[in-house]
């Protein structure tokens, strides 16, 4: 499982990929 973090103005978007499924969630 890999966890990557993208730096975006105003919020951070995290991408979790496990078993071929990608889950995106934001920290508001």
Protein backbone atom coordinates (compact mmCIF):
# COMPACT_ATOMS: atom_id res chain seq x y z
CA UNK A 1 0.00 0.00 0.00
CA UNK A 2 1.31 3.41 -0.93
CA UNK A 3 0.33 6.76 0.52
CA UNK A 4 1.11 9.94 -1.35
CA UNK A 5 0.43 13.53 -0.41
CA UNK A 6 -0.15 16.32 -2.89
CA UNK A 7 0.48 19.89 -1.86
CA UNK A 8 -2.44 22.06 -2.93
CA UNK A 9 -3.20 25.62 -1.79
CA UNK A 10 -5.79 25.70 1.02
CA UNK A 11 -5.93 21.94 1.47
CA UNK A 12 -4.00 18.69 1.34
CA UNK A 13 -5.19 15.81 -0.81
CA UNK A 14 -4.11 12.35 0.23
CA UNK A 15 -4.20 9.37 -2.08
CA UNK A 16 -4.30 5.89 -0.60
CA UNK A 17 -3.96 3.00 -3.02
CA UNK A 18 -4.67 -0.50 -1.83
CA UNK A 19 -5.65 -3.60 -3.82
CA UNK A 20 -6.03 -1.51 -6.97
CA UNK A 21 -8.46 0.87 -5.30
CA UNK A 22 -7.57 4.52 -4.94
CA UNK A 23 -9.14 6.54 -2.14
CA UNK A 24 -8.94 10.32 -2.16
CA UNK A 25 -9.64 12.43 0.88
CA UNK A 26 -8.97 16.04 1.80
CA UNK A 27 -7.95 17.65 5.06
CA UNK A 28 -10.13 20.74 5.37
